Amino acid sequence: MSCGDPHETDCSEVLDHLYEFLDHEMPDGKCAEFEVHIDECSPCLEKYGLEQAVKKLVKRCCGHDDVPADLRSKVMGRIELIRSGQSVPDQDLVAEAKAAEAAAQQD
């Protein structure tokens, strides 16, 4: 996708990092470059608007699901292990998550 005009930042780079931009996860300088590009490039502006709308829709429709307390505890425990530099046990995380989900559905 490109409008055909030359830009300081390539359309492909903008589109490859669009979610980082939308989620405010990129450095300020890079963010400013993307803002300039999106202001100048109508195809990228259109894609930005579409992805922004999708994020809002997902947040509105899925943002209210409660996480089971035991699953939250396990995830937070693993995050703390990783942050502290300790090794993380090689357990099947998918099986644990499914078990927690099944338990929550029974409640």
PDB file of N, CA and C in Angstrom:
ATOM      1  N   MET A   1       0.856  -1.168   0.000  1.00  0.00           N
ATOM      2  CA  MET A   1       0.000   0.000   0.000  1.00  0.00           C
ATOM      3  C   MET A   1       0.899   1.227   0.000  1.00  0.00           C
ATOM      4  N   SER A   2       0.595   2.144  -0.872  1.00  0.00           N
ATOM      5  CA  SER A   2       1.335   3.389  -0.938  1.00  0.00           C
ATOM      6  C   SER A   2       0.512   4.401  -1.718  1.00  0.00           C
ATOM      7  N   CYS A   3       0.685   5.649  -1.370  1.00  0.00           N
ATOM      8  CA  CYS A   3      -0.017   6.693  -2.115  1.00  0.00           C
ATOM      9  C   CYS A   3       0.791   7.119  -3.327  1.00  0.00           C
ATOM     10  N   GLY A   4       2.009   6.602  -3.458  1.00  0.00           N
ATOM     11  CA  GLY A   4       2.863   6.933  -4.586  1.00  0.00           C
ATOM     12  C   GLY A   4       3.772   8.119  -4.334  1.00  0.00           C
ATOM     13  N   ASP A   5       3.549   8.850  -3.271  1.00  0.00           N
ATOM     14  CA  ASP A   5       4.391   9.996  -2.943  1.00  0.00           C
ATOM     15  C   ASP A   5       5.555   9.549  -2.070  1.00  0.00           C
ATOM     16  N   PRO A   6       6.714  10.212  -2.227  1.00  0.00           N
ATOM     17  CA  PRO A   6       7.847   9.860  -1.358  1.00  0.00           C
ATOM     18  C   PRO A   6       7.607  10.382   0.063  1.00  0.00           C
ATOM     19  N   HIS A   7       7.977   9.569   1.032  1.00  0.00           N
ATOM     20  CA  HIS A   7       7.833   9.946   2.443  1.00  0.00           C
ATOM     21  C   HIS A   7       9.136   9.646   3.163  1.00  0.00           C
ATOM     22  N   GLU A   8       9.372  10.350   4.250  1.00  0.00           N
ATOM     23  CA  GLU A   8      10.559  10.079   5.061  1.00  0.00           C
ATOM     24  C   GLU A   8      10.503   8.659   5.620  1.00  0.00           C
ATOM     25  N   THR A   9       9.319   8.219   5.999  1.00  0.00           N
ATOM     26  CA  THR A   9       9.111   6.867   6.520  1.00  0.00           C
ATOM     27  C   THR A   9       8.291   6.094   5.495  1.00  0.00           C
ATOM     28  N   ASP A  10       8.771   4.917   5.126  1.00  0.00           N
ATOM     29  CA  ASP A  10       8.081   4.069   4.145  1.00  0.00           C
ATOM     30  C   ASP A  10       6.717   3.613   4.638  1.00  0.00           C
ATOM     31  N   CYS A  11       5.776   3.481   3.717  1.00  0.00           N
ATOM     32  CA  CYS A  11       4.453   2.942   4.062  1.00  0.00           C
ATOM     33  C   CYS A  11       4.591   1.556   4.683  1.00  0.00           C
ATOM     34  N   SER A  12       5.480   0.735   4.123  1.00  0.00           N
ATOM     35  CA  SER A  12       5.630  -0.631   4.639  1.00  0.00           C
ATOM     36  C   SER A  12       6.090  -0.624   6.093  1.00  0.00           C
ATOM     37  N   GLU A  13       6.973   0.308   6.448  1.00  0.00           N
ATOM     38  CA  GLU A  13       7.426   0.402   7.838  1.00  0.00           C
ATOM     39  C   GLU A  13       6.285   0.834   8.752  1.00  0.00           C
ATOM     40  N   VAL A  14       5.506   1.792   8.294  1.00  0.00           N
ATOM     41  CA  VAL A  14       4.366   2.264   9.089  1.00  0.00           C
ATOM     42  C   VAL A  14       3.389   1.117   9.324  1.00  0.00           C
ATOM     43  N   LEU A  15       3.067   0.378   8.271  1.00  0.00           N
ATOM     44  CA  LEU A  15       2.094  -0.708   8.401  1.00  0.00           C
ATOM     45  C   LEU A  15       2.643  -1.863   9.230  1.00  0.00           C
ATOM     46  N   ASP A  16       3.956  -2.124   9.130  1.00  0.00           N
ATOM     47  CA  ASP A  16       4.564  -3.198   9.927  1.00  0.00           C
ATOM     48  C   ASP A  16       4.532  -2.894  11.421  1.00  0.00           C
ATOM     49  N   HIS A  17       4.535  -1.618  11.769  1.00  0.00           N
ATOM     50  CA  HIS A  17       4.601  -1.226  13.187  1.00  0.00           C
ATOM     51  C   HIS A  17       3.353  -0.461  13.630  1.00  0.00           C
ATOM     52  N   LEU A  18       2.268  -0.643  12.904  1.00  0.00           N
ATOM     53  CA  LEU A  18       1.051   0.120  13.187  1.00  0.00           C
ATOM     54  C   LEU A  18       0.504  -0.142  14.587  1.00  0.00           C
ATOM     55  N   TYR A  19       0.525  -1.406  15.039  1.00  0.00           N
ATOM     56  CA  TYR A  19      -0.019  -1.693  16.372  1.00  0.00           C
ATOM     57  C   TYR A  19       0.872  -1.133  17.473  1.00  0.00           C
ATOM     58  N   GLU A  20       2.167  -1.094  17.262  1.00  0.00           N
ATOM     59  CA  GLU A  20       3.044  -0.449  18.236  1.00  0.00           C
ATOM     60  C   GLU A  20       2.675   1.032  18.352  1.00  0.00           C
ATOM     61  N   PHE A  21       2.386   1.649  17.220  1.00  0.00           N
ATOM     62  CA  PHE A  21       1.976   3.056  17.208  1.00  0.00           C
ATOM     63  C   PHE A  21       0.631   3.224  17.908  1.00  0.00           C
ATOM     64  N   LEU A  22      -0.332   2.381  17.548  1.00  0.00           N
ATOM     65  CA  LEU A  22      -1.666   2.462  18.155  1.00  0.00           C
ATOM     66  C   LEU A  22      -1.623   2.233  19.660  1.00  0.00           C
ATOM     67  N   ASP A  23      -0.734   1.348  20.104  1.00  0.00           N
ATOM     68  CA  ASP A  23      -0.646   0.993  21.521  1.00  0.00           C
ATOM     69  C   ASP A  23       0.316   1.886  22.297  1.00  0.00           C
ATOM     70  N   HIS A  24       0.842   2.916  21.647  1.00  0.00           N
ATOM     71  CA  HIS A  24       1.782   3.858  22.283  1.00  0.00           C
ATOM     72  C   HIS A  24       2.993   3.124  22.844  1.00  0.00           C
ATOM     73  N   GLU A  25       3.540   2.198  22.058  1.00  0.00           N
ATOM     74  CA  GLU A  25       4.668   1.386  22.505  1.00  0.00           C
ATOM     75  C   GLU A  25       5.952   1.701  21.745  1.00  0.00           C
ATOM     76  N   MET A  26       6.020   2.833  21.085  1.00  0.00           N
ATOM     77  CA  MET A  26       7.235   3.172  20.354  1.00  0.00           C
ATOM     78  C   MET A  26       7.816   4.474  20.893  1.00  0.00           C
ATOM     79  N   PRO A  27       9.119   4.660  20.687  1.00  0.00           N
ATOM     80  CA  PRO A  27       9.761   5.884  21.179  1.00  0.00           C
ATOM     81  C   PRO A  27       9.112   7.133  20.581  1.00  0.00           C
ATOM     82  N   ASP A  28       9.177   8.231  21.331  1.00  0.00           N
ATOM     83  CA  ASP A  28       8.524   9.474  20.915  1.00  0.00           C
ATOM     84  C   ASP A  28       8.970   9.945  19.534  1.00  0.00           C
ATOM     85  N   GLY A  29      10.267   9.861  19.243  1.00  0.00           N
ATOM     86  CA  GLY A  29      10.776  10.309  17.949  1.00  0.00           C
ATOM     87  C   GLY A  29      10.184   9.523  16.799  1.00  0.00           C
ATOM     88  N   LYS A  30      10.115   8.221  16.969  1.00  0.00           N
ATOM     89  CA  LYS A  30       9.541   7.354  15.938  1.00  0.00           C
ATOM     90  C   LYS A  30       8.044   7.611  15.821  1.00  0.00           C
ATOM     91  N   CYS A  31       7.409   7.827  16.936  1.00  0.00           N
ATOM     92  CA  CYS A  31       5.973   8.115  16.959  1.00  0.00           C
ATOM     93  C   CYS A  31       5.687   9.394  16.161  1.00  0.00           C
ATOM     94  N   ALA A  32       6.517  10.394  16.322  1.00  0.00           N
ATOM     95  CA  ALA A  32       6.343  11.655  15.593  1.00  0.00           C
ATOM     96  C   ALA A  32       6.499  11.433  14.091  1.00  0.00           C
ATOM     97  N   GLU A  33       7.468  10.590  13.688  1.00  0.00           N
ATOM     98  CA  GLU A  33       7.649  10.265  12.267  1.00  0.00           C
ATOM     99  C   GLU A  33       6.393   9.604  11.703  1.00  0.00           C
ATOM    100  N   PHE A  34       5.828   8.687  12.472  1.00  0.00           N
ATOM    101  CA  PHE A  34       4.627   7.982  12.020  1.00  0.00           C
ATOM    102  C   PHE A  34       3.444   8.943  11.909  1.00  0.00           C
ATOM    103  N   GLU A  35       3.322   9.866  12.857  1.00  0.00           N
ATOM    104  CA  GLU A  35       2.230  10.844  12.807  1.00  0.00           C
ATOM    105  C   GLU A  35       2.320  11.694  11.544  1.00  0.00           C
ATOM    106  N   VAL A  36       3.539  12.135  11.208  1.00  0.00           N
ATOM    107  CA  VAL A  36       3.741  12.927   9.993  1.00  0.00           C
ATOM    108  C   VAL A  36       3.349  12.102   8.775  1.00  0.00           C
ATOM    109  N   HIS A  37       3.805  10.858   8.733  1.00  0.00           N
ATOM    110  CA  HIS A  37       3.495   9.999   7.591  1.00  0.00           C
ATOM    111  C   HIS A  37       1.988   9.794   7.447  1.00  0.00           C
ATOM    112  N   ILE A  38       1.333   9.476   8.531  1.00  0.00           N
ATOM    113  CA  ILE A  38      -0.111   9.210   8.483  1.00  0.00           C
ATOM    114  C   ILE A  38      -0.881  10.467   8.070  1.00  0.00           C
ATOM    115  N   ASP A  39      -0.403  11.636   8.495  1.00  0.00           N
ATOM    116  CA  ASP A  39      -1.043  12.892   8.085  1.00  0.00           C
ATOM    117  C   ASP A  39      -0.891  13.144   6.582  1.00  0.00           C
ATOM    118  N   GLU A  40       0.221  12.665   6.002  1.00  0.00           N
ATOM    119  CA  GLU A  40       0.513  12.913   4.584  1.00  0.00           C
ATOM    120  C   GLU A  40      -0.014  11.829   3.648  1.00  0.00           C
ATOM    121  N   CYS A  41      -0.274  10.638   4.143  1.00  0.00           N
ATOM    122  CA  CYS A  41      -0.540   9.475   3.291  1.00  0.00           C
ATOM    123  C   CYS A  41      -1.956   8.949   3.532  1.00  0.00           C
ATOM    124  N   SER A  42      -2.848   9.189   2.596  1.00  0.00           N
ATOM    125  CA  SER A  42      -4.246   8.793   2.809  1.00  0.00           C
ATOM    126  C   SER A  42      -4.450   7.279   2.910  1.00  0.00           C
ATOM    127  N   PRO A  43      -3.727   6.423   2.144  1.00  0.00           N
ATOM    128  CA  PRO A  43      -3.926   4.979   2.341  1.00  0.00           C
ATOM    129  C   PRO A  43      -3.516   4.516   3.749  1.00  0.00           C
ATOM    130  N   CYS A  44      -2.426   5.062   4.263  1.00  0.00           N
ATOM    131  CA  CYS A  44      -1.997   4.680   5.616  1.00  0.00           C
ATOM    132  C   CYS A  44      -2.948   5.252   6.664  1.00  0.00           C
ATOM    133  N   LEU A  45      -3.462   6.456   6.420  1.00  0.00           N
ATOM    134  CA  LEU A  45      -4.450   7.043   7.325  1.00  0.00           C
ATOM    135  C   LEU A  45      -5.702   6.177   7.365  1.00  0.00           C
ATOM    136  N   GLU A  46      -6.116   5.684   6.206  1.00  0.00           N
ATOM    137  CA  GLU A  46      -7.296   4.813   6.147  1.00  0.00           C
ATOM    138  C   GLU A  46      -7.051   3.514   6.918  1.00  0.00           C
ATOM    139  N   LYS A  47      -5.880   2.910   6.722  1.00  0.00           N
ATOM    140  CA  LYS A  47      -5.541   1.668   7.433  1.00  0.00           C
ATOM    141  C   LYS A  47      -5.461   1.930   8.937  1.00  0.00           C
ATOM    142  N   TYR A  48      -4.870   3.049   9.327  1.00  0.00           N
ATOM    143  CA  TYR A  48      -4.780   3.435  10.735  1.00  0.00           C
ATOM    144  C   TYR A  48      -6.177   3.552  11.341  1.00  0.00           C
ATOM    145  N   GLY A  49      -7.077   4.233  10.639  1.00  0.00           N
ATOM    146  CA  GLY A  49      -8.444   4.399  11.130  1.00  0.00           C
ATOM    147  C   GLY A  49      -9.161   3.076  11.279  1.00  0.00           C
ATOM    148  N   LEU A  50      -8.965   2.181  10.313  1.00  0.00           N
ATOM    149  CA  LEU A  50      -9.590   0.863  10.371  1.00  0.00           C
ATOM    150  C   LEU A  50      -9.074   0.064  11.563  1.00  0.00           C
ATOM    151  N   GLU A  51      -7.765   0.023  11.742  1.00  0.00           N
ATOM    152  CA  GLU A  51      -7.183  -0.743  12.852  1.00  0.00           C
ATOM    153  C   GLU A  51      -7.569  -0.133  14.197  1.00  0.00           C
ATOM    154  N   GLN A  52      -7.660   1.178  14.260  1.00  0.00           N
ATOM    155  CA  GLN A  52      -8.080   1.848  15.490  1.00  0.00           C
ATOM    156  C   GLN A  52      -9.524   1.465  15.826  1.00  0.00           C
ATOM    157  N   ALA A  53     -10.376   1.404  14.816  1.00  0.00           N
ATOM    158  CA  ALA A  53     -11.774   1.013  15.027  1.00  0.00           C
ATOM    159  C   ALA A  53     -11.878  -0.439  15.482  1.00  0.00           C
ATOM    160  N   VAL A  54     -11.058  -1.319  14.908  1.00  0.00           N
ATOM    161  CA  VAL A  54     -11.058  -2.730  15.312  1.00  0.00           C
ATOM    162  C   VAL A  54     -10.641  -2.855  16.773  1.00  0.00           C
ATOM    163  N   LYS A  55      -9.583  -2.136  17.168  1.00  0.00           N
ATOM    164  CA  LYS A  55      -9.139  -2.185  18.565  1.00  0.00           C
ATOM    165  C   LYS A  55     -10.240  -1.723  19.517  1.00  0.00           C
ATOM    166  N   LYS A  56     -10.945  -0.656  19.158  1.00  0.00           N
ATOM    167  CA  LYS A  56     -12.027  -0.154  20.010  1.00  0.00           C
ATOM    168  C   LYS A  56     -13.163  -1.165  20.109  1.00  0.00           C
ATOM    169  N   LEU A  57     -13.487  -1.804  18.993  1.00  0.00           N
ATOM    170  CA  LEU A  57     -14.543  -2.811  18.983  1.00  0.00           C
ATOM    171  C   LEU A  57     -14.173  -4.009  19.854  1.00  0.00           C
ATOM    172  N   VAL A  58     -12.944  -4.481  19.718  1.00  0.00           N
ATOM    173  CA  VAL A  58     -12.491  -5.616  20.535  1.00  0.00           C
ATOM    174  C   VAL A  58     -12.514  -5.242  22.011  1.00  0.00           C
ATOM    175  N   LYS A  59     -12.052  -4.046  22.327  1.00  0.00           N
ATOM    176  CA  LYS A  59     -12.051  -3.609  23.727  1.00  0.00           C
ATOM    177  C   LYS A  59     -13.469  -3.541  24.279  1.00  0.00           C
ATOM    178  N   ARG A  60     -14.384  -3.013  23.483  1.00  0.00           N
ATOM    179  CA  ARG A  60     -15.766  -2.885  23.937  1.00  0.00           C
ATOM    180  C   ARG A  60     -16.425  -4.253  24.105  1.00  0.00           C
ATOM    181  N   CYS A  61     -16.153  -5.168  23.188  1.00  0.00           N
ATOM    182  CA  CYS A  61     -16.825  -6.477  23.214  1.00  0.00           C
ATOM    183  C   CYS A  61     -16.151  -7.484  24.132  1.00  0.00           C
ATOM    184  N   CYS A  62     -14.853  -7.369  24.304  1.00  0.00           N
ATOM    185  CA  CYS A  62     -14.120  -8.410  25.037  1.00  0.00           C
ATOM    186  C   CYS A  62     -13.410  -7.884  26.272  1.00  0.00           C
ATOM    187  N   GLY A  63     -13.519  -6.623  26.549  1.00  0.00           N
ATOM    188  CA  GLY A  63     -12.751  -6.030  27.632  1.00  0.00           C
ATOM    189  C   GLY A  63     -13.291  -6.271  29.020  1.00  0.00           C
ATOM    190  N   HIS A  64     -14.409  -6.969  29.131  1.00  0.00           N
ATOM    191  CA  HIS A  64     -15.032  -7.125  30.441  1.00  0.00           C
ATOM    192  C   HIS A  64     -14.980  -8.550  30.972  1.00  0.00           C
ATOM    193  N   ASP A  65     -14.244  -9.419  30.290  1.00  0.00           N
ATOM    194  CA  ASP A  65     -14.146 -10.800  30.750  1.00  0.00           C
ATOM    195  C   ASP A  65     -13.242 -10.872  31.972  1.00  0.00           C
ATOM    196  N   ASP A  66     -13.736 -11.508  33.024  1.00  0.00           N
ATOM    197  CA  ASP A  66     -12.939 -11.665  34.232  1.00  0.00           C
ATOM    198  C   ASP A  66     -11.963 -12.823  34.068  1.00  0.00           C
ATOM    199  N   VAL A  67     -10.777 -12.620  34.573  1.00  0.00           N
ATOM    200  CA  VAL A  67      -9.760 -13.663  34.553  1.00  0.00           C
ATOM    201  C   VAL A  67      -9.866 -14.427  35.865  1.00  0.00           C
ATOM    202  N   PRO A  68      -9.907 -15.769  35.805  1.00  0.00           N
ATOM    203  CA  PRO A  68      -9.957 -16.544  37.047  1.00  0.00           C
ATOM    204  C   PRO A  68      -8.763 -16.201  37.946  1.00  0.00           C
ATOM    205  N   ALA A  69      -9.012 -16.087  39.242  1.00  0.00           N
ATOM    206  CA  ALA A  69      -7.975 -15.670  40.190  1.00  0.00           C
ATOM    207  C   ALA A  69      -6.772 -16.599  40.172  1.00  0.00           C
ATOM    208  N   ASP A  70      -7.005 -17.915  40.064  1.00  0.00           N
ATOM    209  CA  ASP A  70      -5.868 -18.833  40.079  1.00  0.00           C
ATOM    210  C   ASP A  70      -5.024 -18.698  38.814  1.00  0.00           C
ATOM    211  N   LEU A  71      -5.648 -18.427  37.677  1.00  0.00           N
ATOM    212  CA  LEU A  71      -4.886 -18.220  36.444  1.00  0.00           C
ATOM    213  C   LEU A  71      -4.072 -16.938  36.544  1.00  0.00           C
ATOM    214  N   ARG A  72      -4.699 -15.881  37.054  1.00  0.00           N
ATOM    215  CA  ARG A  72      -3.980 -14.614  37.239  1.00  0.00           C
ATOM    216  C   ARG A  72      -2.777 -14.821  38.158  1.00  0.00           C
ATOM    217  N   SER A  73      -2.969 -15.571  39.227  1.00  0.00           N
ATOM    218  CA  SER A  73      -1.894 -15.831  40.179  1.00  0.00           C
ATOM    219  C   SER A  73      -0.743 -16.590  39.523  1.00  0.00           C
ATOM    220  N   LYS A  74      -1.070 -17.601  38.728  1.00  0.00           N
ATOM    221  CA  LYS A  74      -0.028 -18.383  38.046  1.00  0.00           C
ATOM    222  C   LYS A  74       0.745 -17.525  37.053  1.00  0.00           C
ATOM    223  N   VAL A  75       0.032 -16.723  36.289  1.00  0.00           N
ATOM    224  CA  VAL A  75       0.692 -15.866  35.301  1.00  0.00           C
ATOM    225  C   VAL A  75       1.588 -14.851  36.004  1.00  0.00           C
ATOM    226  N   MET A  76       1.084 -14.217  37.044  1.00  0.00           N
ATOM    227  CA  MET A  76       1.885 -13.230  37.768  1.00  0.00           C
ATOM    228  C   MET A  76       3.108 -13.880  38.409  1.00  0.00           C
ATOM    229  N   GLY A  77       2.935 -15.103  38.918  1.00  0.00           N
ATOM    230  CA  GLY A  77       4.066 -15.830  39.494  1.00  0.00           C
ATOM    231  C   GLY A  77       5.149 -16.098  38.466  1.00  0.00           C
ATOM    232  N   ARG A  78       4.743 -16.484  37.273  1.00  0.00           N
ATOM    233  CA  ARG A  78       5.717 -16.739  36.202  1.00  0.00           C
ATOM    234  C   ARG A  78       6.407 -15.450  35.762  1.00  0.00           C
ATOM    235  N   ILE A  79       5.665 -14.375  35.709  1.00  0.00           N
ATOM    236  CA  ILE A  79       6.273 -13.093  35.353  1.00  0.00           C
ATOM    237  C   ILE A  79       7.332 -12.717  36.377  1.00  0.00           C
ATOM    238  N   GLU A  80       7.027 -12.894  37.643  1.00  0.00           N
ATOM    239  CA  GLU A  80       7.998 -12.585  38.699  1.00  0.00           C
ATOM    240  C   GLU A  80       9.236 -13.473  38.586  1.00  0.00           C
ATOM    241  N   LEU A  81       9.042 -14.766  38.268  1.00  0.00           N
ATOM    242  CA  LEU A  81      10.187 -15.662  38.078  1.00  0.00           C
ATOM    243  C   LEU A  81      11.079 -15.166  36.946  1.00  0.00           C
ATOM    244  N   ILE A  82      10.469 -14.793  35.846  1.00  0.00           N
ATOM    245  CA  ILE A  82      11.233 -14.320  34.692  1.00  0.00           C
ATOM    246  C   ILE A  82      11.961 -13.029  35.027  1.00  0.00           C
ATOM    247  N   ARG A  83      11.289 -12.106  35.700  1.00  0.00           N
ATOM    248  CA  ARG A  83      11.916 -10.832  36.068  1.00  0.00           C
ATOM    249  C   ARG A  83      13.090 -11.029  37.015  1.00  0.00           C
ATOM    250  N   SER A  84      12.983 -12.007  37.891  1.00  0.00           N
ATOM    251  CA  SER A  84      14.052 -12.239  38.862  1.00  0.00           C
ATOM    252  C   SER A  84      15.195 -13.059  38.279  1.00  0.00           C
ATOM    253  N   GLY A  85      15.026 -13.530  37.041  1.00  0.00           N
ATOM    254  CA  GLY A  85      16.091 -14.292  36.395  1.00  0.00           C
ATOM    255  C   GLY A  85      16.069 -15.772  36.700  1.00  0.00           C
ATOM    256  N   GLN A  86      15.069 -16.238  37.431  1.00  0.00           N
ATOM    257  CA  GLN A  86      14.970 -17.660  37.751  1.00  0.00           C
ATOM    258  C   GLN A  86      14.413 -18.420  36.551  1.00  0.00           C
ATOM    259  N   SER A  87      14.709 -19.708  36.517  1.00  0.00           N
ATOM    260  CA  SER A  87      14.175 -20.513  35.419  1.00  0.00           C
ATOM    261  C   SER A  87      12.694 -20.794  35.663  1.00  0.00           C
ATOM    262  N   VAL A  88      11.965 -20.852  34.581  1.00  0.00           N
ATOM    263  CA  VAL A  88      10.527 -21.100  34.645  1.00  0.00           C
ATOM    264  C   VAL A  88      10.296 -22.591  34.447  1.00  0.00           C
ATOM    265  N   PRO A  89       9.506 -23.229  35.312  1.00  0.00           N
ATOM    266  CA  PRO A  89       9.242 -24.668  35.165  1.00  0.00           C
ATOM    267  C   PRO A  89       8.643 -24.983  33.798  1.00  0.00           C
ATOM    268  N   ASP A  90       9.039 -26.124  33.249  1.00  0.00           N
ATOM    269  CA  ASP A  90       8.549 -26.547  31.934  1.00  0.00           C
ATOM    270  C   ASP A  90       7.236 -27.289  32.068  1.00  0.00           C
ATOM    271  N   GLN A  91       6.219 -26.597  32.520  1.00  0.00           N
ATOM    272  CA  GLN A  91       4.893 -27.202  32.625  1.00  0.00           C
ATOM    273  C   GLN A  91       4.077 -26.789  31.418  1.00  0.00           C
ATOM    274  N   ASP A  92       3.058 -27.543  31.135  1.00  0.00           N
ATOM    275  CA  ASP A  92       2.210 -27.249  29.993  1.00  0.00           C
ATOM    276  C   ASP A  92       1.271 -26.101  30.342  1.00  0.00           C
ATOM    277  N   LEU A  93       1.627 -24.903  29.906  1.00  0.00           N
ATOM    278  CA  LEU A  93       0.830 -23.721  30.223  1.00  0.00           C
ATOM    279  C   LEU A  93      -0.556 -23.784  29.601  1.00  0.00           C
ATOM    280  N   VAL A  94      -0.647 -24.383  28.429  1.00  0.00           N
ATOM    281  CA  VAL A  94      -1.948 -24.487  27.766  1.00  0.00           C
ATOM    282  C   VAL A  94      -2.887 -25.350  28.594  1.00  0.00           C
ATOM    283  N   ALA A  95      -2.392 -26.472  29.100  1.00  0.00           N
ATOM    284  CA  ALA A  95      -3.222 -27.353  29.917  1.00  0.00           C
ATOM    285  C   ALA A  95      -3.660 -26.645  31.196  1.00  0.00           C
ATOM    286  N   GLU A  96      -2.745 -25.892  31.797  1.00  0.00           N
ATOM    287  CA  GLU A  96      -3.091 -25.152  33.013  1.00  0.00           C
ATOM    288  C   GLU A  96      -4.170 -24.111  32.724  1.00  0.00           C
ATOM    289  N   ALA A  97      -4.029 -23.410  31.624  1.00  0.00           N
ATOM    290  CA  ALA A  97      -5.009 -22.381  31.273  1.00  0.00           C
ATOM    291  C   ALA A  97      -6.371 -23.001  30.999  1.00  0.00           C
ATOM    292  N   LYS A  98      -6.389 -24.128  30.299  1.00  0.00           N
ATOM    293  CA  LYS A  98      -7.656 -24.803  30.011  1.00  0.00           C
ATOM    294  C   LYS A  98      -8.312 -25.300  31.293  1.00  0.00           C
ATOM    295  N   ALA A  99      -7.517 -25.824  32.206  1.00  0.00           N
ATOM    296  CA  ALA A  99      -8.060 -26.304  33.474  1.00  0.00           C
ATOM    297  C   ALA A  99      -8.657 -25.145  34.271  1.00  0.00           C
ATOM    298  N   ALA A 100      -7.968 -24.023  34.281  1.00  0.00           N
ATOM    299  CA  ALA A 100      -8.471 -22.853  35.002  1.00  0.00           C
ATOM    300  C   ALA A 100      -9.751 -22.330  34.354  1.00  0.00           C
ATOM    301  N   GLU A 101      -9.783 -22.334  33.034  1.00  0.00           N
ATOM    302  CA  GLU A 101     -10.981 -21.878  32.322  1.00  0.00           C
ATOM    303  C   GLU A 101     -12.160 -22.801  32.602  1.00  0.00           C
ATOM    304  N   ALA A 102     -11.911 -24.106  32.594  1.00  0.00           N
ATOM    305  CA  ALA A 102     -12.979 -25.072  32.870  1.00  0.00           C
ATOM    306  C   ALA A 102     -13.505 -24.899  34.288  1.00  0.00           C
ATOM    307  N   ALA A 103     -12.602 -24.678  35.235  1.00  0.00           N
ATOM    308  CA  ALA A 103     -13.014 -24.485  36.621  1.00  0.00           C
ATOM    309  C   ALA A 103     -13.851 -23.213  36.762  1.00  0.00           C
ATOM    310  N   ALA A 104     -13.468 -22.167  36.047  1.00  0.00           N
ATOM    311  CA  ALA A 104     -14.208 -20.909  36.120  1.00  0.00           C
ATOM    312  C   ALA A 104     -15.602 -21.049  35.520  1.00  0.00           C
ATOM    313  N   GLN A 105     -15.735 -21.851  34.484  1.00  0.00           N
ATOM    314  CA  GLN A 105     -17.037 -22.044  33.850  1.00  0.00           C
ATOM    315  C   GLN A 105     -17.978 -22.852  34.729  1.00  0.00           C
ATOM    316  N   GLN A 106     -17.431 -23.679  35.613  1.00  0.00           N
ATOM    317  CA  GLN A 106     -18.260 -24.487  36.507  1.00  0.00           C
ATOM    318  C   GLN A 106     -18.808 -23.654  37.655  1.00  0.00           C
ATOM    319  N   ASP A 107     -18.134 -22.543  37.949  1.00  0.00           N
ATOM    320  CA  ASP A 107     -18.577 -21.682  39.068  1.00  0.00           C
ATOM    321  C   ASP A 107     -19.815 -20.920  38.748  1.00  0.00           C
TER     322      ASP A 107
END
